[in-house]
Amino acid sequence: MPMLLVVHHTPSPTMQAMLEAVLAGARDDAIEGVDVVVRPALVATAVDVLAADGYLLGTPVNIGYMSGALKHFFDQAYYPCLDVTVGRPYALYVHGNNDTMGAVRAVESIATGLRWRRLREPVTVIGTPDAKDREACWELGASTAASLMP
């Protein structure tokens, strides 16, 4: 069964709301045959990455960059996964209070180095997520999981 690995750093109620929406989409009943595995960024390992067929990443913006937790995830997984995960799909959601561009750019740079394939534009939310933002997160989760359906 294909596996979607959701790696997230969720230190706030805002990030929790976004994660819940992403997971609701990824686990929608219409999506069959995809195992959704969720790991906090500080717990996710290279073994998790190697076992997965696609990735959904979530991070807050910290000082204009991705969270240190997500950076730690990439630091420990990068070289063990570099040649094995080429071409695998990924998607990204990001929350910031003022801006998200630096965090998006940083994640996309690392994903490009890993030679992962971005499925769609990242979902970026500034401030408190509204219904439209939560729907975008749901759609991101659903489309990412659906892309792995057998």
N, C-alpha and C. Protein backbone atom coordinates (compact mmCIF):
# COMPACT_ATOMS: atom_id res chain seq x y z
N MET A 1 0.85 -1.18 0.00
CA MET A 1 0.00 0.00 0.00
C MET A 1 0.89 1.24 0.00
N PRO A 2 0.64 2.19 -0.89
CA PRO A 2 1.43 3.43 -0.89
C PRO A 2 1.29 4.17 0.44
N MET A 3 2.37 4.83 0.84
CA MET A 3 2.37 5.55 2.11
C MET A 3 2.66 7.03 1.89
N LEU A 4 1.83 7.87 2.51
CA LEU A 4 2.05 9.31 2.57
C LEU A 4 2.59 9.63 3.95
N LEU A 5 3.76 10.23 4.01
CA LEU A 5 4.36 10.64 5.27
C LEU A 5 4.09 12.13 5.48
N VAL A 6 3.41 12.44 6.57
CA VAL A 6 3.13 13.82 6.95
C VAL A 6 4.12 14.19 8.05
N VAL A 7 5.02 15.11 7.74
CA VAL A 7 6.02 15.58 8.70
C VAL A 7 5.68 17.01 9.04
N HIS A 8 5.49 17.28 10.33
CA HIS A 8 5.00 18.60 10.72
C HIS A 8 5.67 19.09 11.99
N HIS A 9 5.71 20.40 12.12
CA HIS A 9 6.06 21.04 13.40
C HIS A 9 4.85 21.88 13.77
N THR A 10 4.22 21.51 14.87
CA THR A 10 2.92 22.07 15.23
C THR A 10 2.97 22.63 16.65
N PRO A 11 3.61 23.78 16.84
CA PRO A 11 3.76 24.34 18.18
C PRO A 11 2.63 25.28 18.62
N SER A 12 1.64 25.51 17.76
CA SER A 12 0.62 26.51 18.09
C SER A 12 -0.76 26.02 17.70
N PRO A 13 -1.80 26.62 18.27
CA PRO A 13 -3.17 26.27 17.86
C PRO A 13 -3.41 26.50 16.37
N THR A 14 -2.79 27.51 15.80
CA THR A 14 -2.94 27.78 14.37
C THR A 14 -2.38 26.62 13.55
N MET A 15 -1.18 26.19 13.87
CA MET A 15 -0.59 25.06 13.15
C MET A 15 -1.39 23.78 13.39
N GLN A 16 -1.95 23.62 14.59
CA GLN A 16 -2.77 22.45 14.87
C GLN A 16 -4.02 22.44 13.99
N ALA A 17 -4.64 23.59 13.82
CA ALA A 17 -5.83 23.68 12.96
C ALA A 17 -5.47 23.33 11.51
N MET A 18 -4.33 23.81 11.06
CA MET A 18 -3.90 23.51 9.69
C MET A 18 -3.58 22.02 9.54
N LEU A 19 -2.89 21.44 10.51
CA LEU A 19 -2.59 20.01 10.48
C LEU A 19 -3.86 19.18 10.44
N GLU A 20 -4.82 19.52 11.30
CA GLU A 20 -6.08 18.77 11.33
C GLU A 20 -6.81 18.83 10.00
N ALA A 21 -6.79 19.98 9.35
CA ALA A 21 -7.44 20.11 8.04
C ALA A 21 -6.70 19.28 6.99
N VAL A 22 -5.38 19.32 7.00
CA VAL A 22 -4.57 18.54 6.07
C VAL A 22 -4.87 17.05 6.26
N LEU A 23 -4.89 16.60 7.49
CA LEU A 23 -5.13 15.18 7.76
C LEU A 23 -6.54 14.76 7.40
N ALA A 24 -7.51 15.63 7.63
CA ALA A 24 -8.90 15.31 7.25
C ALA A 24 -8.97 15.10 5.74
N GLY A 25 -8.29 15.92 4.98
CA GLY A 25 -8.27 15.75 3.54
C GLY A 25 -7.55 14.48 3.12
N ALA A 26 -6.39 14.23 3.71
CA ALA A 26 -5.59 13.06 3.35
C ALA A 26 -6.30 11.76 3.70
N ARG A 27 -7.12 11.79 4.74
CA ARG A 27 -7.81 10.59 5.21
C ARG A 27 -9.27 10.52 4.75
N ASP A 28 -9.64 11.34 3.78
CA ASP A 28 -11.01 11.34 3.29
C ASP A 28 -11.39 9.95 2.79
N ASP A 29 -12.64 9.57 3.01
CA ASP A 29 -13.12 8.24 2.64
C ASP A 29 -12.99 7.95 1.14
N ALA A 30 -12.99 8.98 0.33
CA ALA A 30 -12.89 8.78 -1.12
C ALA A 30 -11.49 8.36 -1.55
N ILE A 31 -10.52 8.55 -0.67
CA ILE A 31 -9.13 8.17 -0.98
C ILE A 31 -8.89 6.79 -0.41
N GLU A 32 -8.68 5.85 -1.31
CA GLU A 32 -8.53 4.46 -0.90
C GLU A 32 -7.13 3.95 -1.22
N GLY A 33 -6.64 3.06 -0.36
CA GLY A 33 -5.39 2.39 -0.63
C GLY A 33 -4.14 3.20 -0.35
N VAL A 34 -4.27 4.24 0.47
CA VAL A 34 -3.10 5.05 0.85
C VAL A 34 -3.01 5.08 2.36
N ASP A 35 -1.89 4.70 2.90
CA ASP A 35 -1.64 4.74 4.33
C ASP A 35 -1.05 6.11 4.68
N VAL A 36 -1.70 6.83 5.58
CA VAL A 36 -1.22 8.15 6.00
C VAL A 36 -0.52 8.00 7.34
N VAL A 37 0.77 8.29 7.36
CA VAL A 37 1.59 8.18 8.57
C VAL A 37 2.00 9.59 8.97
N VAL A 38 1.79 9.92 10.25
CA VAL A 38 2.04 11.27 10.74
C VAL A 38 3.20 11.23 11.74
N ARG A 39 4.17 12.12 11.52
CA ARG A 39 5.32 12.20 12.42
C ARG A 39 5.64 13.66 12.71
N PRO A 40 5.79 14.01 13.99
CA PRO A 40 6.35 15.32 14.31
C PRO A 40 7.76 15.42 13.73
N ALA A 41 8.15 16.60 13.33
CA ALA A 41 9.44 16.78 12.66
C ALA A 41 10.62 16.34 13.51
N LEU A 42 10.53 16.47 14.82
CA LEU A 42 11.64 16.06 15.67
C LEU A 42 11.69 14.56 15.89
N VAL A 43 10.68 13.83 15.44
CA VAL A 43 10.62 12.38 15.60
C VAL A 43 10.84 11.66 14.28
N ALA A 44 10.46 12.28 13.17
CA ALA A 44 10.58 11.65 11.85
C ALA A 44 12.04 11.34 11.54
N THR A 45 12.25 10.19 10.91
CA THR A 45 13.60 9.73 10.63
C THR A 45 13.78 9.44 9.14
N ALA A 46 15.02 9.19 8.78
CA ALA A 46 15.32 8.78 7.40
C ALA A 46 14.60 7.48 7.07
N VAL A 47 14.44 6.60 8.03
CA VAL A 47 13.72 5.34 7.81
C VAL A 47 12.28 5.64 7.38
N ASP A 48 11.64 6.62 8.04
CA ASP A 48 10.28 7.01 7.66
C ASP A 48 10.25 7.52 6.22
N VAL A 49 11.21 8.34 5.87
CA VAL A 49 11.27 8.93 4.52
C VAL A 49 11.47 7.83 3.48
N LEU A 50 12.37 6.92 3.76
CA LEU A 50 12.65 5.84 2.81
C LEU A 50 11.44 4.93 2.61
N ALA A 51 10.63 4.76 3.64
CA ALA A 51 9.45 3.89 3.56
C ALA A 51 8.28 4.54 2.84
N ALA A 52 8.29 5.85 2.73
CA ALA A 52 7.15 6.59 2.17
C ALA A 52 7.26 6.73 0.66
N ASP A 53 6.09 6.93 0.05
CA ASP A 53 6.01 7.15 -1.39
C ASP A 53 5.79 8.61 -1.75
N GLY A 54 5.43 9.43 -0.75
CA GLY A 54 5.21 10.85 -0.94
C GLY A 54 5.23 11.54 0.41
N TYR A 55 5.34 12.87 0.38
CA TYR A 55 5.56 13.63 1.61
C TYR A 55 4.67 14.86 1.65
N LEU A 56 4.17 15.14 2.83
CA LEU A 56 3.41 16.37 3.08
C LEU A 56 4.06 17.03 4.28
N LEU A 57 4.58 18.23 4.09
CA LEU A 57 5.39 18.92 5.09
C LEU A 57 4.66 20.14 5.61
N GLY A 58 4.72 20.36 6.93
CA GLY A 58 4.10 21.53 7.53
C GLY A 58 5.04 22.22 8.49
N THR A 59 5.11 23.55 8.38
CA THR A 59 6.01 24.30 9.25
C THR A 59 5.49 25.71 9.51
N PRO A 60 5.73 26.22 10.71
CA PRO A 60 5.54 27.65 10.92
C PRO A 60 6.78 28.39 10.43
N VAL A 61 6.64 29.68 10.27
CA VAL A 61 7.78 30.52 9.93
C VAL A 61 8.40 30.98 11.24
N ASN A 62 9.70 30.76 11.37
CA ASN A 62 10.44 31.21 12.54
C ASN A 62 11.58 32.11 12.07
N ILE A 63 11.46 33.39 12.37
CA ILE A 63 12.47 34.37 11.99
C ILE A 63 12.74 34.31 10.48
N GLY A 64 11.68 34.23 9.71
CA GLY A 64 11.78 34.25 8.26
C GLY A 64 12.23 32.96 7.62
N TYR A 65 12.25 31.86 8.37
CA TYR A 65 12.77 30.58 7.88
C TYR A 65 11.84 29.47 8.34
N MET A 66 12.03 28.25 7.81
CA MET A 66 11.26 27.11 8.32
C MET A 66 11.63 26.89 9.78
N SER A 67 10.81 26.15 10.50
CA SER A 67 11.11 25.89 11.91
C SER A 67 12.40 25.09 12.04
N GLY A 68 13.07 25.27 13.17
CA GLY A 68 14.27 24.49 13.44
C GLY A 68 13.98 23.00 13.46
N ALA A 69 12.78 22.63 13.89
CA ALA A 69 12.41 21.21 13.93
C ALA A 69 12.37 20.62 12.52
N LEU A 70 11.77 21.33 11.56
CA LEU A 70 11.74 20.81 10.20
C LEU A 70 13.14 20.80 9.59
N LYS A 71 13.93 21.81 9.90
CA LYS A 71 15.32 21.83 9.43
C LYS A 71 16.09 20.64 9.98
N HIS A 72 15.88 20.32 11.26
CA HIS A 72 16.51 19.15 11.87
C HIS A 72 16.10 17.87 11.13
N PHE A 73 14.82 17.76 10.81
CA PHE A 73 14.34 16.61 10.04
C PHE A 73 15.12 16.48 8.74
N PHE A 74 15.23 17.57 7.99
CA PHE A 74 15.96 17.52 6.73
C PHE A 74 17.44 17.21 6.95
N ASP A 75 18.04 17.79 7.99
CA ASP A 75 19.47 17.56 8.25
C ASP A 75 19.78 16.08 8.46
N GLN A 76 18.93 15.39 9.21
CA GLN A 76 19.23 13.99 9.50
C GLN A 76 18.78 13.04 8.39
N ALA A 77 17.86 13.47 7.53
CA ALA A 77 17.35 12.58 6.49
C ALA A 77 17.99 12.82 5.12
N TYR A 78 18.60 13.96 4.92
CA TYR A 78 19.04 14.37 3.58
C TYR A 78 19.95 13.33 2.90
N TYR A 79 21.09 13.07 3.45
CA TYR A 79 22.04 12.19 2.76
C TYR A 79 21.59 10.73 2.69
N PRO A 80 20.99 10.17 3.75
CA PRO A 80 20.52 8.79 3.62
C PRO A 80 19.43 8.63 2.54
N CYS A 81 18.71 9.70 2.24
CA CYS A 81 17.58 9.63 1.31
C CYS A 81 17.88 10.22 -0.06
N LEU A 82 19.03 10.82 -0.22
CA LEU A 82 19.35 11.61 -1.40
C LEU A 82 19.15 10.86 -2.72
N ASP A 83 19.70 9.70 -2.84
CA ASP A 83 19.62 8.98 -4.12
C ASP A 83 18.42 8.04 -4.21
N VAL A 84 17.81 7.74 -3.09
CA VAL A 84 16.74 6.74 -3.06
C VAL A 84 15.36 7.33 -3.31
N THR A 85 15.17 8.61 -2.98
CA THR A 85 13.83 9.20 -3.05
C THR A 85 13.64 10.15 -4.23
N VAL A 86 14.52 10.11 -5.19
CA VAL A 86 14.45 10.99 -6.36
C VAL A 86 13.09 10.84 -7.05
N GLY A 87 12.48 11.98 -7.34
CA GLY A 87 11.22 11.99 -8.08
C GLY A 87 9.97 11.79 -7.26
N ARG A 88 10.12 11.55 -5.97
CA ARG A 88 8.93 11.36 -5.15
C ARG A 88 8.21 12.70 -4.95
N PRO A 89 6.90 12.65 -4.87
CA PRO A 89 6.12 13.89 -4.76
C PRO A 89 6.10 14.43 -3.33
N TYR A 90 5.99 15.75 -3.26
CA TYR A 90 5.83 16.39 -1.95
C TYR A 90 4.90 17.60 -2.10
N ALA A 91 4.36 18.00 -0.95
CA ALA A 91 3.56 19.22 -0.86
C ALA A 91 3.90 19.88 0.48
N LEU A 92 3.52 21.15 0.60
CA LEU A 92 3.94 21.96 1.74
C LEU A 92 2.84 22.90 2.19
N TYR A 93 2.69 23.04 3.52
CA TYR A 93 1.86 24.10 4.07
C TYR A 93 2.66 24.86 5.12
N VAL A 94 2.46 26.19 5.15
CA VAL A 94 3.28 27.08 5.98
C VAL A 94 2.39 28.13 6.62
N HIS A 95 2.67 28.43 7.88
CA HIS A 95 1.97 29.53 8.56
C HIS A 95 2.98 30.56 9.03
N GLY A 96 2.65 31.83 8.81
CA GLY A 96 3.47 32.93 9.32
C GLY A 96 2.60 34.04 9.84
N ASN A 97 3.17 34.88 10.66
CA ASN A 97 2.43 36.04 11.17
C ASN A 97 2.55 37.23 10.23
N ASN A 98 3.67 37.31 9.49
CA ASN A 98 3.89 38.45 8.59
C ASN A 98 4.21 38.05 7.16
N ASP A 99 4.94 36.94 7.01
CA ASP A 99 5.45 36.56 5.71
C ASP A 99 5.76 35.07 5.73
N THR A 100 5.70 34.43 4.58
CA THR A 100 6.02 33.00 4.50
C THR A 100 7.08 32.70 3.44
N MET A 101 7.50 33.70 2.71
CA MET A 101 8.37 33.48 1.55
C MET A 101 9.70 32.82 1.90
N GLY A 102 10.34 33.23 2.97
CA GLY A 102 11.64 32.66 3.34
C GLY A 102 11.53 31.19 3.69
N ALA A 103 10.49 30.82 4.41
CA ALA A 103 10.30 29.41 4.79
C ALA A 103 10.00 28.57 3.56
N VAL A 104 9.13 29.06 2.69
CA VAL A 104 8.80 28.33 1.46
C VAL A 104 10.05 28.15 0.61
N ARG A 105 10.80 29.21 0.44
CA ARG A 105 12.02 29.15 -0.37
C ARG A 105 13.01 28.13 0.21
N ALA A 106 13.16 28.11 1.52
CA ALA A 106 14.10 27.19 2.15
C ALA A 106 13.68 25.73 1.95
N VAL A 107 12.41 25.43 2.18
CA VAL A 107 11.93 24.05 1.99
C VAL A 107 12.06 23.65 0.53
N GLU A 108 11.67 24.53 -0.37
CA GLU A 108 11.75 24.20 -1.80
C GLU A 108 13.19 23.99 -2.25
N SER A 109 14.12 24.73 -1.67
CA SER A 109 15.53 24.56 -2.01
C SER A 109 16.02 23.17 -1.60
N ILE A 110 15.65 22.74 -0.41
CA ILE A 110 16.07 21.42 0.06
C ILE A 110 15.39 20.33 -0.76
N ALA A 111 14.10 20.48 -1.01
CA ALA A 111 13.37 19.49 -1.82
C ALA A 111 13.95 19.40 -3.23
N THR A 112 14.38 20.53 -3.78
CA THR A 112 15.04 20.52 -5.09
C THR A 112 16.35 19.75 -5.01
N GLY A 113 17.09 19.95 -3.94
CA GLY A 113 18.33 19.20 -3.76
C GLY A 113 18.09 17.70 -3.65
N LEU A 114 17.00 17.32 -3.02
CA LEU A 114 16.63 15.91 -2.91
C LEU A 114 16.05 15.37 -4.23
N ARG A 115 15.75 16.30 -5.13
CA ARG A 115 15.13 15.99 -6.42
C ARG A 115 13.73 15.40 -6.26
N TRP A 116 13.01 15.95 -5.24
CA TRP A 116 11.61 15.61 -5.07
C TRP A 116 10.80 16.44 -6.06
N ARG A 117 9.60 16.00 -6.34
CA ARG A 117 8.72 16.65 -7.32
C ARG A 117 7.57 17.34 -6.57
N ARG A 118 7.50 18.66 -6.68
CA ARG A 118 6.43 19.40 -6.03
C ARG A 118 5.11 19.14 -6.76
N LEU A 119 4.10 18.75 -5.99
CA LEU A 119 2.79 18.45 -6.58
C LEU A 119 1.99 19.68 -6.93
N ARG A 120 2.07 20.70 -6.09
CA ARG A 120 1.29 21.92 -6.31
C ARG A 120 1.88 23.05 -5.49
N GLU A 121 1.38 24.24 -5.72
CA GLU A 121 1.85 25.40 -4.97
C GLU A 121 1.62 25.17 -3.47
N PRO A 122 2.55 25.63 -2.63
CA PRO A 122 2.34 25.49 -1.19
C PRO A 122 1.11 26.26 -0.73
N VAL A 123 0.50 25.77 0.32
CA VAL A 123 -0.56 26.52 1.00
C VAL A 123 0.13 27.38 2.04
N THR A 124 -0.05 28.69 1.92
CA THR A 124 0.55 29.62 2.87
C THR A 124 -0.55 30.43 3.54
N VAL A 125 -0.43 30.56 4.84
CA VAL A 125 -1.43 31.29 5.63
C VAL A 125 -0.69 32.31 6.47
N ILE A 126 -1.17 33.55 6.41
CA ILE A 126 -0.64 34.61 7.26
C ILE A 126 -1.74 35.00 8.23
N GLY A 127 -1.40 34.98 9.51
CA GLY A 127 -2.39 35.30 10.53
C GLY A 127 -3.25 34.10 10.87
N THR A 128 -4.42 34.37 11.40
CA THR A 128 -5.33 33.30 11.81
C THR A 128 -6.00 32.69 10.58
N PRO A 129 -5.94 31.35 10.46
CA PRO A 129 -6.57 30.72 9.29
C PRO A 129 -8.09 30.86 9.34
N ASP A 130 -8.66 31.23 8.20
CA ASP A 130 -10.12 31.30 8.11
C ASP A 130 -10.63 30.04 7.40
N ALA A 131 -11.93 30.00 7.12
CA ALA A 131 -12.52 28.82 6.49
C ALA A 131 -11.88 28.52 5.14
N LYS A 132 -11.56 29.55 4.38
CA LYS A 132 -10.93 29.37 3.07
C LYS A 132 -9.54 28.75 3.22
N ASP A 133 -8.79 29.18 4.23
CA ASP A 133 -7.46 28.63 4.49
C ASP A 133 -7.55 27.16 4.91
N ARG A 134 -8.49 26.86 5.79
CA ARG A 134 -8.67 25.47 6.22
C ARG A 134 -9.10 24.58 5.06
N GLU A 135 -9.93 25.10 4.18
CA GLU A 135 -10.34 24.35 2.98
C GLU A 135 -9.13 24.11 2.07
N ALA A 136 -8.26 25.09 1.93
CA ALA A 136 -7.05 24.92 1.12
C ALA A 136 -6.15 23.84 1.72
N CYS A 137 -6.07 23.80 3.05
CA CYS A 137 -5.28 22.75 3.71
C CYS A 137 -5.92 21.39 3.48
N TRP A 138 -7.25 21.32 3.58
CA TRP A 138 -7.95 20.06 3.33
C TRP A 138 -7.67 19.59 1.90
N GLU A 139 -7.78 20.48 0.94
CA GLU A 139 -7.53 20.14 -0.46
C GLU A 139 -6.08 19.69 -0.68
N LEU A 140 -5.14 20.33 0.01
CA LEU A 140 -3.74 19.94 -0.10
C LEU A 140 -3.57 18.51 0.39
N GLY A 141 -4.14 18.19 1.54
CA GLY A 141 -4.05 16.83 2.06
C GLY A 141 -4.70 15.82 1.14
N ALA A 142 -5.89 16.14 0.66
CA ALA A 142 -6.63 15.22 -0.21
C ALA A 142 -5.90 15.00 -1.53
N SER A 143 -5.44 16.07 -2.16
CA SER A 143 -4.80 15.93 -3.47
C SER A 143 -3.46 15.21 -3.34
N THR A 144 -2.74 15.44 -2.26
CA THR A 144 -1.47 14.78 -2.08
C THR A 144 -1.67 13.27 -1.87
N ALA A 145 -2.61 12.92 -1.01
CA ALA A 145 -2.91 11.50 -0.78
C ALA A 145 -3.45 10.85 -2.06
N ALA A 146 -4.35 11.53 -2.73
CA ALA A 146 -4.95 10.97 -3.94
C ALA A 146 -3.90 10.72 -5.03
N SER A 147 -2.86 11.52 -5.05
CA SER A 147 -1.81 11.35 -6.06
C SER A 147 -1.09 10.01 -5.89
N LEU A 148 -1.22 9.41 -4.72
CA LEU A 148 -0.53 8.13 -4.44
C LEU A 148 -1.45 6.92 -4.59
N MET A 149 -2.73 7.15 -4.88
CA MET A 149 -3.67 6.04 -4.98
C MET A 149 -3.23 5.06 -6.06
N PRO A 150 -3.34 3.77 -5.73
CA PRO A 150 -2.95 2.76 -6.73
C PRO A 150 -3.92 2.71 -7.89
